[in-house]
Amino acid sequence: MTLVSRSGRLAGRLVTALIAVIAILAVVVVLSAVHLLPQLRNPFTQTTTDRGGPALLKSITSLSRYEAANGSFQVVVDLTKRVSFIPSFLQGSETLFIGQGSDIAYVDFSQLKGQAIQVSADRTTVSVKVPHAQLEPAVLNVDQSYVYAEQQGLLNRIGNFFSGNPNSQQQVYMLAQQKIQTAANQSPLIADAQRNTQAMLTSMLSSLGFTHVTIMFT
């Protein structure tokens, strides 16, 4: 009887201690929930830390080619053809052609290598070397281009009537395209493209957390 009594008392004490521990934990959880105690943290919570830098080169080369500026041009072609010792009213022509066209200035990012981007140790400063802007071949907009005036000698008109040559205006088209290309080369299109590229890259890199961005055209 004595052994049984002692076992019973021991079991009772264990139950009382367990209830007291549960009650204390419940009070702590409640106080933490109402912000009277610091909130409890799960000791087994998994944390992830990324110590790598942003994929700058991949972000830039994914653009491949950035079309940074587009220019529209209008040119006038005055083409005169004469044949020696034959009057112009018999053989010869004069064509006044208005050409409309455009050209695109772009920067090619596809050949950028790893050394083209330099990042400071504290990852606040970045410098990027990119190629100079280039011009696409000029394009003549045939739908908006037209012959303003044309005069042809009698023999030219007869020859065109019987030949039905659909490429009779090919030469003025080619000259107009060449003039548009020359105008694009002499225009500020390249400078505008590089300024727009610099602004685009600066904005993109600043959004990645860099406070000092330098863009150099090489």
Protein backbone atom coordinates (compact mmCIF):
# COMPACT_ATOMS: atom_id res chain seq x y z
CA MET A 1 0.00 0.00 0.00
CA THR A 2 2.82 2.34 0.83
CA LEU A 3 4.50 1.70 -2.55
CA VAL A 4 1.28 2.31 -4.42
CA SER A 5 0.65 5.53 -2.53
CA ARG A 6 4.08 6.81 -3.30
CA SER A 7 3.71 5.97 -7.00
CA GLY A 8 0.37 7.72 -7.06
CA ARG A 9 1.76 10.86 -5.42
CA LEU A 10 4.73 10.90 -7.87
CA ALA A 11 2.43 10.59 -10.85
CA GLY A 12 0.26 13.37 -9.49
CA ARG A 13 3.25 15.65 -9.09
CA LEU A 14 4.39 14.96 -12.66
CA VAL A 15 0.92 15.77 -14.00
CA THR A 16 0.82 18.98 -11.94
CA ALA A 17 4.28 20.03 -13.21
CA LEU A 18 3.29 19.29 -16.81
CA ILE A 19 0.11 21.33 -16.45
CA ALA A 20 2.12 24.21 -14.97
CA VAL A 21 4.59 24.14 -17.88
CA ILE A 22 1.77 24.11 -20.44
CA ALA A 23 0.10 27.01 -18.64
CA ILE A 24 3.33 29.06 -18.62
CA LEU A 25 3.84 28.41 -22.37
CA ALA A 26 0.25 29.43 -23.06
CA VAL A 27 0.69 32.69 -21.13
CA VAL A 28 3.93 33.47 -23.02
CA VAL A 29 2.28 32.82 -26.39
CA VAL A 30 -0.68 35.04 -25.52
CA LEU A 31 1.53 37.89 -24.28
CA SER A 32 3.66 37.61 -27.44
CA ALA A 33 0.57 37.71 -29.63
CA VAL A 34 -0.62 40.98 -28.04
CA HIS A 35 2.94 42.39 -28.32
CA LEU A 36 3.53 42.51 -24.52
CA LEU A 37 6.51 40.22 -25.08
CA PRO A 38 8.84 39.95 -28.08
CA GLN A 39 7.30 37.73 -30.71
CA LEU A 40 8.51 34.17 -30.60
CA ARG A 41 10.47 32.89 -33.57
CA ASN A 42 10.52 29.42 -34.90
CA PRO A 43 14.04 28.12 -34.10
CA PHE A 44 13.79 25.79 -37.10
CA THR A 45 12.85 28.51 -39.64
CA GLN A 46 14.83 28.18 -42.88
CA THR A 47 16.60 31.33 -44.13
CA THR A 48 18.06 31.90 -47.60
CA THR A 49 20.89 34.35 -48.33
CA ASP A 50 21.96 35.25 -51.86
CA ARG A 51 25.51 36.56 -51.85
CA GLY A 52 25.84 36.77 -55.62
CA GLY A 53 25.63 39.99 -57.62
CA PRO A 54 22.99 40.84 -60.22
CA ALA A 55 23.38 39.29 -63.67
CA LEU A 56 24.43 42.55 -65.32
CA LEU A 57 26.04 41.13 -68.42
CA LYS A 58 23.19 38.75 -69.09
CA SER A 59 20.66 41.53 -68.64
CA ILE A 60 22.44 43.73 -71.16
CA THR A 61 23.28 41.10 -73.76
CA SER A 62 19.70 39.84 -73.66
CA LEU A 63 18.86 43.09 -75.42
CA SER A 64 21.21 41.91 -78.21
CA ARG A 65 20.65 45.06 -80.25
CA TYR A 66 19.19 48.27 -78.90
CA GLU A 67 17.58 50.47 -81.56
CA ALA A 68 18.26 53.79 -79.92
CA ALA A 69 17.23 56.38 -82.52
CA ASN A 70 15.24 56.58 -85.73
CA GLY A 71 15.46 59.38 -88.29
CA SER A 72 13.10 60.27 -91.15
CA PHE A 73 14.45 62.06 -94.21
CA GLN A 74 13.15 63.68 -97.38
CA VAL A 75 15.45 64.12 -100.39
CA VAL A 76 15.11 65.56 -103.88
CA VAL A 77 16.65 63.82 -106.89
CA ASP A 78 17.01 65.86 -110.08
CA LEU A 79 18.16 63.36 -112.71
CA THR A 80 19.00 64.55 -116.21
CA LYS A 81 20.02 62.32 -119.13
CA ARG A 82 21.33 63.68 -122.41
CA VAL A 83 22.74 62.15 -125.59
CA SER A 84 25.53 64.03 -127.38
CA PHE A 85 24.60 65.71 -130.69
CA ILE A 86 20.90 64.79 -130.34
CA PRO A 87 18.38 67.45 -129.26
CA SER A 88 16.79 66.83 -125.86
CA PHE A 89 13.26 66.91 -127.35
CA LEU A 90 14.22 63.80 -129.38
CA GLN A 91 16.46 61.86 -126.97
CA GLY A 92 16.89 62.51 -123.27
CA SER A 93 14.96 62.87 -120.06
CA GLU A 94 14.72 64.94 -116.90
CA THR A 95 13.15 63.60 -113.72
CA LEU A 96 12.44 65.43 -110.47
CA PHE A 97 11.88 62.81 -107.75
CA ILE A 98 10.87 63.31 -104.10
CA GLY A 99 12.14 60.51 -101.88
CA GLN A 100 10.95 59.71 -98.36
CA GLY A 101 12.98 57.32 -96.22
CA SER A 102 14.39 56.51 -92.82
CA ASP A 103 17.43 55.18 -91.03
CA ILE A 104 17.96 53.51 -87.65
CA ALA A 105 20.88 53.98 -85.27
CA TYR A 106 21.52 51.02 -82.96
CA VAL A 107 24.02 49.68 -80.41
CA ASP A 108 25.09 46.03 -80.63
CA PHE A 109 25.34 44.37 -77.21
CA SER A 110 25.76 40.82 -78.51
CA GLN A 111 29.59 40.93 -78.45
CA LEU A 112 29.95 42.23 -74.89
CA LYS A 113 32.37 40.21 -72.77
CA GLY A 114 32.73 39.87 -69.01
CA GLN A 115 35.46 42.49 -68.75
CA ALA A 116 33.14 45.06 -70.29
CA ILE A 117 31.46 45.50 -66.91
CA GLN A 118 33.40 46.52 -63.81
CA VAL A 119 31.69 46.49 -60.40
CA SER A 120 33.13 47.95 -57.18
CA ALA A 121 33.70 45.76 -54.12
CA ASP A 122 30.78 47.35 -52.24
CA ARG A 123 28.54 46.90 -55.32
CA THR A 124 27.53 50.56 -55.44
CA THR A 125 29.55 51.63 -58.48
CA VAL A 126 29.52 50.10 -61.97
CA SER A 127 31.14 51.04 -65.28
CA VAL A 128 30.11 49.58 -68.62
CA LYS A 129 31.98 49.74 -71.93
CA VAL A 130 29.69 49.42 -74.92
CA PRO A 131 30.31 49.72 -78.68
CA HIS A 132 29.65 52.94 -80.55
CA ALA A 133 26.26 53.31 -82.20
CA GLN A 134 25.96 52.25 -85.84
CA LEU A 135 23.63 53.06 -88.69
CA GLU A 136 21.49 50.56 -90.55
CA PRO A 137 21.40 50.84 -94.35
CA ALA A 138 18.95 53.60 -95.21
CA VAL A 139 15.51 52.51 -96.41
CA LEU A 140 13.51 54.28 -99.11
CA ASN A 141 9.77 54.31 -98.49
CA VAL A 142 8.48 53.67 -102.00
CA ASP A 143 4.85 54.20 -101.00
CA GLN A 144 5.54 57.78 -99.88
CA SER A 145 8.06 58.65 -102.62
CA TYR A 146 6.91 60.00 -105.98
CA VAL A 147 7.93 61.62 -109.26
CA TYR A 148 7.17 65.33 -108.97
CA ALA A 149 7.91 66.20 -112.60
CA GLU A 150 9.26 64.39 -115.65
CA GLN A 151 10.16 65.32 -119.21
CA GLN A 152 11.14 62.82 -121.88
CA GLY A 153 12.27 63.10 -125.47
CA LEU A 154 10.13 61.68 -128.25
CA LEU A 155 12.37 58.63 -128.77
CA ASN A 156 12.37 57.89 -125.01
CA ARG A 157 8.58 57.95 -124.87
CA ILE A 158 8.30 55.64 -127.87
CA GLY A 159 10.89 53.25 -126.40
CA ASN A 160 9.16 53.15 -123.01
CA PHE A 161 5.80 52.53 -124.66
CA PHE A 162 6.98 49.42 -126.51
CA SER A 163 9.35 48.08 -123.86
CA GLY A 164 6.98 48.37 -120.90
CA ASN A 165 10.02 48.49 -118.59
CA PRO A 166 8.75 48.32 -114.98
CA ASN A 167 12.19 49.36 -113.66
CA SER A 168 12.40 52.64 -115.59
CA GLN A 169 12.59 54.56 -112.29
CA GLN A 170 15.11 52.24 -110.63
CA GLN A 171 17.97 54.69 -110.98
CA VAL A 172 16.15 57.52 -109.20
CA TYR A 173 15.21 55.10 -106.41
CA MET A 174 18.85 54.13 -105.95
CA LEU A 175 19.99 57.76 -105.98
CA ALA A 176 17.32 58.69 -103.43
CA GLN A 177 18.40 55.85 -101.14
CA GLN A 178 22.03 56.97 -101.40
CA LYS A 179 21.09 60.55 -100.57
CA ILE A 180 19.13 59.40 -97.52
CA GLN A 181 22.14 57.38 -96.36
CA THR A 182 24.41 60.42 -96.78
CA ALA A 183 21.95 62.61 -94.89
CA ALA A 184 21.79 60.08 -92.05
CA ASN A 185 25.59 59.95 -91.85
CA GLN A 186 25.75 63.73 -91.55
CA SER A 187 22.88 63.96 -89.07
CA PRO A 188 23.10 63.83 -85.24
CA LEU A 189 21.45 60.38 -85.33
CA ILE A 190 24.55 58.60 -83.95
CA ALA A 191 24.94 61.11 -81.11
CA ASP A 192 21.24 60.83 -80.24
CA ALA A 193 21.48 57.03 -80.21
CA GLN A 194 24.43 57.04 -77.81
CA ARG A 195 22.74 59.56 -75.53
CA ASN A 196 19.56 57.44 -75.47
CA THR A 197 21.58 54.27 -74.84
CA GLN A 198 23.41 55.90 -71.94
CA ALA A 199 20.12 57.01 -70.40
CA MET A 200 18.58 53.54 -70.82
CA LEU A 201 21.55 51.70 -69.25
CA THR A 202 21.84 54.20 -66.41
CA SER A 203 18.17 53.75 -65.57
CA MET A 204 18.40 49.95 -65.75
CA LEU A 205 21.53 49.71 -63.58
CA SER A 206 20.20 52.22 -61.07
CA SER A 207 17.12 50.04 -60.65
CA LEU A 208 19.50 47.21 -59.69
CA GLY A 209 20.80 49.26 -56.76
CA PHE A 210 23.89 50.97 -58.19
CA THR A 211 24.29 54.59 -57.13
CA HIS A 212 27.18 55.49 -59.45
CA VAL A 213 26.89 54.40 -63.10
CA THR A 214 29.42 55.18 -65.83
CA ILE A 215 28.75 54.32 -69.50
CA MET A 216 31.68 54.49 -71.93
CA PHE A 217 31.49 54.05 -75.71
CA THR A 218 34.56 52.27 -77.06
